[in-house]
Amino acid sequence: MMGYLRLASLALVLAVLIMSPMNPGPAAAATAAEINRDVNSALQKLYARRPEAKMLAKKAKGILVFPHIVKAGFVVGGQFGEGSLRIKGKTVGYYNTVQASYGLQAGAQSYGYALFIMTESALNYLKKTSGWEIGVGPTVVVVDEGMGKNLTTTTLRDDIYGFVFDQKGLMAGLGLQGTKITRIEK
């Protein structure tokens, strides 16, 4: 058991070292101003690369954006990031995203994601829960390149559409299922 813990600790340290060049920001929690700046930048880049995201933004009741998430692991892994909820272009709250995992995994990466909340009921669910786990509650559909080409305002049927962006690093697999989102104070 002690050998396994040492191996897991060493893997986590190595993952952090690997991620250091990919993470230009400080390791400490971001301030509200830093989160807002990063969210603005992330949305501008996302809209430039994915026009369907810009189309969704016009119809969305709210947009929850996590501009920079760090994920690392070796058998045992985790991820963390902070972001904000925007309604009509204004920040109305700050959130963190956390996920723990175990299994066949090794590596480290950084990425961001944006959740376009399309229904009032999904927005209310996010606001009222103390912690929301993706996969439980409103339906979340992750939009890939193929699906994005067929997405129109008449085909929108789900509660939330998610876009993953700015992936950097080496880690097999990326999913939002099981990610816990919690409101934080800034």
C-alpha atoms as a PDB file:
ATOM      1  CA  MET A   1       0.000   0.000   0.000  1.00  0.00           C
ATOM      2  CA  MET A   2       2.786   2.441   0.903  1.00  0.00           C
ATOM      3  CA  GLY A   3       4.510   1.734  -2.429  1.00  0.00           C
ATOM      4  CA  TYR A   4       1.302   2.529  -4.308  1.00  0.00           C
ATOM      5  CA  LEU A   5       0.936   5.868  -2.474  1.00  0.00           C
ATOM      6  CA  ARG A   6       4.526   6.797  -3.276  1.00  0.00           C
ATOM      7  CA  LEU A   7       3.994   5.925  -6.920  1.00  0.00           C
ATOM      8  CA  ALA A   8       0.793   7.965  -7.071  1.00  0.00           C
ATOM      9  CA  SER A   9       2.486  10.933  -5.356  1.00  0.00           C
ATOM     10  CA  LEU A  10       5.436  10.774  -7.733  1.00  0.00           C
ATOM     11  CA  ALA A  11       3.066  10.648 -10.709  1.00  0.00           C
ATOM     12  CA  LEU A  12       1.202  13.713  -9.488  1.00  0.00           C
ATOM     13  CA  VAL A  13       4.447  15.650  -8.997  1.00  0.00           C
ATOM     14  CA  LEU A  14       5.582  14.666 -12.502  1.00  0.00           C
ATOM     15  CA  ALA A  15       2.240  15.700 -13.948  1.00  0.00           C
ATOM     16  CA  VAL A  16       2.503  19.122 -12.315  1.00  0.00           C
ATOM     17  CA  LEU A  17       6.017  19.546 -13.695  1.00  0.00           C
ATOM     18  CA  ILE A  18       4.848  18.563 -17.162  1.00  0.00           C
ATOM     19  CA  MET A  19       1.941  21.026 -16.946  1.00  0.00           C
ATOM     20  CA  SER A  20       4.067  23.966 -15.747  1.00  0.00           C
ATOM     21  CA  PRO A  21       4.994  25.178 -19.251  1.00  0.00           C
ATOM     22  CA  MET A  22       1.312  24.982 -20.283  1.00  0.00           C
ATOM     23  CA  ASN A  23       0.055  26.974 -17.323  1.00  0.00           C
ATOM     24  CA  PRO A  24       1.082  30.624 -17.666  1.00  0.00           C
ATOM     25  CA  GLY A  25      -0.994  31.705 -14.650  1.00  0.00           C
ATOM     26  CA  PRO A  26      -0.165  31.403 -10.976  1.00  0.00           C
ATOM     27  CA  ALA A  27      -0.998  28.243  -9.047  1.00  0.00           C
ATOM     28  CA  ALA A  28      -3.098  30.166  -6.515  1.00  0.00           C
ATOM     29  CA  ALA A  29      -6.821  30.677  -6.946  1.00  0.00           C
ATOM     30  CA  ALA A  30      -7.673  33.438  -9.392  1.00  0.00           C
ATOM     31  CA  THR A  31      -9.309  36.712  -8.423  1.00  0.00           C
ATOM     32  CA  ALA A  32     -12.688  37.744  -9.824  1.00  0.00           C
ATOM     33  CA  ALA A  33     -10.972  40.188 -12.204  1.00  0.00           C
ATOM     34  CA  GLU A  34      -8.603  37.472 -13.476  1.00  0.00           C
ATOM     35  CA  ILE A  35     -11.452  35.039 -14.029  1.00  0.00           C
ATOM     36  CA  ASN A  36     -13.479  37.673 -15.912  1.00  0.00           C
ATOM     37  CA  ARG A  37     -10.490  38.578 -18.091  1.00  0.00           C
ATOM     38  CA  ASP A  38      -9.817  34.912 -18.903  1.00  0.00           C
ATOM     39  CA  VAL A  39     -13.498  34.212 -19.613  1.00  0.00           C
ATOM     40  CA  ASN A  40     -13.672  37.194 -22.008  1.00  0.00           C
ATOM     41  CA  SER A  41     -10.579  35.978 -23.849  1.00  0.00           C
ATOM     42  CA  ALA A  42     -11.804  32.367 -23.985  1.00  0.00           C
ATOM     43  CA  LEU A  43     -15.195  33.348 -25.391  1.00  0.00           C
ATOM     44  CA  GLN A  44     -13.618  35.577 -28.059  1.00  0.00           C
ATOM     45  CA  LYS A  45     -11.367  32.715 -29.186  1.00  0.00           C
ATOM     46  CA  LEU A  46     -14.208  30.178 -29.069  1.00  0.00           C
ATOM     47  CA  TYR A  47     -16.534  32.383 -31.139  1.00  0.00           C
ATOM     48  CA  ALA A  48     -13.784  32.992 -33.713  1.00  0.00           C
ATOM     49  CA  ARG A  49     -13.106  29.244 -34.122  1.00  0.00           C
ATOM     50  CA  ARG A  50     -16.631  27.882 -33.710  1.00  0.00           C
ATOM     51  CA  PRO A  51     -19.375  30.053 -35.260  1.00  0.00           C
ATOM     52  CA  GLU A  52     -22.054  27.703 -33.906  1.00  0.00           C
ATOM     53  CA  ALA A  53     -20.973  28.706 -30.367  1.00  0.00           C
ATOM     54  CA  LYS A  54     -21.615  32.347 -31.223  1.00  0.00           C
ATOM     55  CA  MET A  55     -25.044  31.373 -32.601  1.00  0.00           C
ATOM     56  CA  LEU A  56     -25.847  29.487 -29.377  1.00  0.00           C
ATOM     57  CA  ALA A  57     -24.734  32.457 -27.260  1.00  0.00           C
ATOM     58  CA  LYS A  58     -27.511  34.572 -28.776  1.00  0.00           C
ATOM     59  CA  LYS A  59     -30.164  32.051 -27.660  1.00  0.00           C
ATOM     60  CA  ALA A  60     -28.606  30.904 -24.366  1.00  0.00           C
ATOM     61  CA  LYS A  61     -30.178  31.812 -21.027  1.00  0.00           C
ATOM     62  CA  GLY A  62     -26.670  31.728 -19.536  1.00  0.00           C
ATOM     63  CA  ILE A  63     -23.115  30.661 -20.353  1.00  0.00           C
ATOM     64  CA  LEU A  64     -20.895  28.941 -17.791  1.00  0.00           C
ATOM     65  CA  VAL A  65     -17.243  29.247 -18.848  1.00  0.00           C
ATOM     66  CA  PHE A  66     -14.173  27.553 -17.375  1.00  0.00           C
ATOM     67  CA  PRO A  67     -11.291  29.056 -19.374  1.00  0.00           C
ATOM     68  CA  HIS A  68      -8.421  27.077 -17.862  1.00  0.00           C
ATOM     69  CA  ILE A  69      -8.680  23.619 -16.330  1.00  0.00           C
ATOM     70  CA  VAL A  70      -5.693  21.509 -15.323  1.00  0.00           C
ATOM     71  CA  LYS A  71      -6.048  17.728 -15.408  1.00  0.00           C
ATOM     72  CA  ALA A  72      -3.322  15.288 -14.328  1.00  0.00           C
ATOM     73  CA  GLY A  73      -3.115  11.704 -13.269  1.00  0.00           C
ATOM     74  CA  PHE A  74      -1.373   8.400 -13.090  1.00  0.00           C
ATOM     75  CA  VAL A  75      -3.873   5.695 -12.181  1.00  0.00           C
ATOM     76  CA  VAL A  76      -5.429   8.256  -9.776  1.00  0.00           C
ATOM     77  CA  GLY A  77      -6.132  11.650 -11.304  1.00  0.00           C
ATOM     78  CA  GLY A  78      -7.927  14.903 -10.847  1.00  0.00           C
ATOM     79  CA  GLN A  79      -8.809  18.165 -12.481  1.00  0.00           C
ATOM     80  CA  PHE A  80      -9.603  21.668 -11.268  1.00  0.00           C
ATOM     81  CA  GLY A  81     -10.568  25.014 -12.748  1.00  0.00           C
ATOM     82  CA  GLU A  82     -12.482  28.190 -11.983  1.00  0.00           C
ATOM     83  CA  GLY A  83     -14.909  30.133 -14.138  1.00  0.00           C
ATOM     84  CA  SER A  84     -17.978  32.298 -14.197  1.00  0.00           C
ATOM     85  CA  LEU A  85     -21.630  32.237 -15.144  1.00  0.00           C
ATOM     86  CA  ARG A  86     -22.666  34.944 -17.588  1.00  0.00           C
ATOM     87  CA  ILE A  87     -26.224  36.051 -18.201  1.00  0.00           C
ATOM     88  CA  LYS A  88     -26.769  38.598 -20.973  1.00  0.00           C
ATOM     89  CA  GLY A  89     -23.018  39.226 -21.061  1.00  0.00           C
ATOM     90  CA  LYS A  90     -22.676  40.015 -17.344  1.00  0.00           C
ATOM     91  CA  THR A  91     -21.033  37.859 -14.687  1.00  0.00           C
ATOM     92  CA  VAL A  92     -23.594  36.750 -12.093  1.00  0.00           C
ATOM     93  CA  GLY A  93     -21.542  34.172 -10.190  1.00  0.00           C
ATOM     94  CA  TYR A  94     -18.276  32.268  -9.920  1.00  0.00           C
ATOM     95  CA  TYR A  95     -17.884  28.499  -9.977  1.00  0.00           C
ATOM     96  CA  ASN A  96     -15.235  25.834  -9.753  1.00  0.00           C
ATOM     97  CA  THR A  97     -15.105  22.537 -11.575  1.00  0.00           C
ATOM     98  CA  VAL A  98     -13.567  19.473  -9.947  1.00  0.00           C
ATOM     99  CA  GLN A  99     -13.263  15.876 -11.035  1.00  0.00           C
ATOM    100  CA  ALA A 100     -11.487  12.907  -9.483  1.00  0.00           C
ATOM    101  CA  SER A 101     -10.844   9.726 -11.426  1.00  0.00           C
ATOM    102  CA  TYR A 102      -9.072   6.421 -11.223  1.00  0.00           C
ATOM    103  CA  GLY A 103      -8.233   3.714 -13.705  1.00  0.00           C
ATOM    104  CA  LEU A 104      -5.985   3.354 -16.709  1.00  0.00           C
ATOM    105  CA  GLN A 105      -4.712   6.909 -17.157  1.00  0.00           C
ATOM    106  CA  ALA A 106      -1.416   8.729 -17.308  1.00  0.00           C
ATOM    107  CA  GLY A 107      -0.454  12.237 -18.312  1.00  0.00           C
ATOM    108  CA  ALA A 108      -1.389  15.845 -17.904  1.00  0.00           C
ATOM    109  CA  GLN A 109      -3.262  18.415 -19.908  1.00  0.00           C
ATOM    110  CA  SER A 110      -4.980  21.755 -19.761  1.00  0.00           C
ATOM    111  CA  TYR A 111      -8.148  22.817 -21.542  1.00  0.00           C
ATOM    112  CA  GLY A 112     -11.246  24.933 -21.130  1.00  0.00           C
ATOM    113  CA  TYR A 113     -14.932  24.417 -21.659  1.00  0.00           C
ATOM    114  CA  ALA A 114     -18.073  26.481 -22.027  1.00  0.00           C
ATOM    115  CA  LEU A 115     -21.606  25.325 -21.239  1.00  0.00           C
ATOM    116  CA  PHE A 116     -24.378  27.135 -23.123  1.00  0.00           C
ATOM    117  CA  ILE A 117     -27.484  26.837 -20.939  1.00  0.00           C
ATOM    118  CA  MET A 118     -30.486  26.917 -23.255  1.00  0.00           C
ATOM    119  CA  THR A 119     -33.459  26.540 -20.906  1.00  0.00           C
ATOM    120  CA  GLU A 120     -34.666  28.516 -17.928  1.00  0.00           C
ATOM    121  CA  SER A 121     -35.168  25.285 -15.961  1.00  0.00           C
ATOM    122  CA  ALA A 122     -31.518  24.251 -16.495  1.00  0.00           C
ATOM    123  CA  LEU A 123     -30.330  27.706 -15.435  1.00  0.00           C
ATOM    124  CA  ASN A 124     -32.497  27.573 -12.301  1.00  0.00           C
ATOM    125  CA  TYR A 125     -31.162  24.084 -11.506  1.00  0.00           C
ATOM    126  CA  LEU A 126     -27.586  25.398 -11.624  1.00  0.00           C
ATOM    127  CA  LYS A 127     -28.417  28.411  -9.467  1.00  0.00           C
ATOM    128  CA  LYS A 128     -30.327  26.421  -6.814  1.00  0.00           C
ATOM    129  CA  THR A 129     -28.030  23.431  -6.320  1.00  0.00           C
ATOM    130  CA  SER A 130     -25.092  23.626  -3.956  1.00  0.00           C
ATOM    131  CA  GLY A 131     -23.112  21.400  -6.303  1.00  0.00           C
ATOM    132  CA  TRP A 132     -24.065  20.039  -9.706  1.00  0.00           C
ATOM    133  CA  GLU A 133     -22.557  16.881 -11.185  1.00  0.00           C
ATOM    134  CA  ILE A 134     -22.610  16.744 -14.981  1.00  0.00           C
ATOM    135  CA  GLY A 135     -24.571  13.664 -15.952  1.00  0.00           C
ATOM    136  CA  VAL A 136     -27.108  14.190 -13.154  1.00  0.00           C
ATOM    137  CA  GLY A 137     -29.788  16.806 -13.774  1.00  0.00           C
ATOM    138  CA  PRO A 138     -30.103  18.791 -17.013  1.00  0.00           C
ATOM    139  CA  THR A 139     -29.063  17.092 -20.270  1.00  0.00           C
ATOM    140  CA  VAL A 140     -25.598  18.152 -21.466  1.00  0.00           C
ATOM    141  CA  VAL A 141     -24.510  17.545 -25.060  1.00  0.00           C
ATOM    142  CA  VAL A 142     -20.834  18.093 -25.918  1.00  0.00           C
ATOM    143  CA  VAL A 143     -20.633  19.616 -29.400  1.00  0.00           C
ATOM    144  CA  ASP A 144     -17.884  18.192 -31.580  1.00  0.00           C
ATOM    145  CA  GLU A 145     -16.831  19.442 -35.019  1.00  0.00           C
ATOM    146  CA  GLY A 146     -19.234  17.112 -36.852  1.00  0.00           C
ATOM    147  CA  MET A 147     -22.280  17.930 -34.760  1.00  0.00           C
ATOM    148  CA  GLY A 148     -21.505  21.650 -34.873  1.00  0.00           C
ATOM    149  CA  LYS A 149     -21.992  21.739 -38.648  1.00  0.00           C
ATOM    150  CA  ASN A 150     -25.578  20.494 -38.252  1.00  0.00           C
ATOM    151  CA  LEU A 151     -26.529  22.667 -35.274  1.00  0.00           C
ATOM    152  CA  THR A 152     -29.150  25.321 -36.018  1.00  0.00           C
ATOM    153  CA  THR A 153     -31.638  27.275 -33.951  1.00  0.00           C
ATOM    154  CA  THR A 154     -34.362  24.885 -35.128  1.00  0.00           C
ATOM    155  CA  THR A 155     -32.455  21.736 -34.067  1.00  0.00           C
ATOM    156  CA  LEU A 156     -31.798  22.916 -30.510  1.00  0.00           C
ATOM    157  CA  ARG A 157     -33.578  20.439 -28.245  1.00  0.00           C
ATOM    158  CA  ASP A 158     -31.288  19.862 -25.262  1.00  0.00           C
ATOM    159  CA  ASP A 159     -30.846  21.791 -22.005  1.00  0.00           C
ATOM    160  CA  ILE A 160     -27.119  22.535 -22.279  1.00  0.00           C
ATOM    161  CA  TYR A 161     -24.532  22.430 -25.068  1.00  0.00           C
ATOM    162  CA  GLY A 162     -20.856  22.185 -24.157  1.00  0.00           C
ATOM    163  CA  PHE A 163     -17.726  23.110 -26.120  1.00  0.00           C
ATOM    164  CA  VAL A 164     -14.239  21.952 -25.113  1.00  0.00           C
ATOM    165  CA  PHE A 165     -11.404  24.193 -26.334  1.00  0.00           C
ATOM    166  CA  ASP A 166      -7.651  24.908 -26.088  1.00  0.00           C
ATOM    167  CA  GLN A 167      -6.549  21.351 -25.291  1.00  0.00           C
ATOM    168  CA  LYS A 168      -2.824  21.149 -24.537  1.00  0.00           C
ATOM    169  CA  GLY A 169      -0.801  18.289 -23.126  1.00  0.00           C
ATOM    170  CA  LEU A 170      -0.701  14.544 -23.217  1.00  0.00           C
ATOM    171  CA  MET A 171      -3.504  12.581 -21.628  1.00  0.00           C
ATOM    172  CA  ALA A 172      -5.754  10.015 -23.204  1.00  0.00           C
ATOM    173  CA  GLY A 173      -9.440  10.788 -23.082  1.00  0.00           C
ATOM    174  CA  LEU A 174     -11.416  13.827 -22.068  1.00  0.00           C
ATOM    175  CA  GLY A 175     -14.968  13.829 -20.780  1.00  0.00           C
ATOM    176  CA  LEU A 176     -17.203  16.065 -18.731  1.00  0.00           C
ATOM    177  CA  GLN A 177     -19.299  13.229 -17.243  1.00  0.00           C
ATOM    178  CA  GLY A 178     -18.917  13.162 -13.451  1.00  0.00           C
ATOM    179  CA  THR A 179     -17.485  16.666 -13.247  1.00  0.00           C
ATOM    180  CA  LYS A 180     -18.773  18.529 -10.172  1.00  0.00           C
ATOM    181  CA  ILE A 181     -19.561  22.231 -10.508  1.00  0.00           C
ATOM    182  CA  THR A 182     -19.923  24.305  -7.346  1.00  0.00           C
ATOM    183  CA  ARG A 183     -20.644  27.987  -6.776  1.00  0.00           C
ATOM    184  CA  ILE A 184     -17.808  29.870  -5.040  1.00  0.00           C
ATOM    185  CA  GLU A 185     -17.400  33.341  -3.571  1.00  0.00           C
ATOM    186  CA  LYS A 186     -14.882  35.740  -5.093  1.00  0.00           C
END
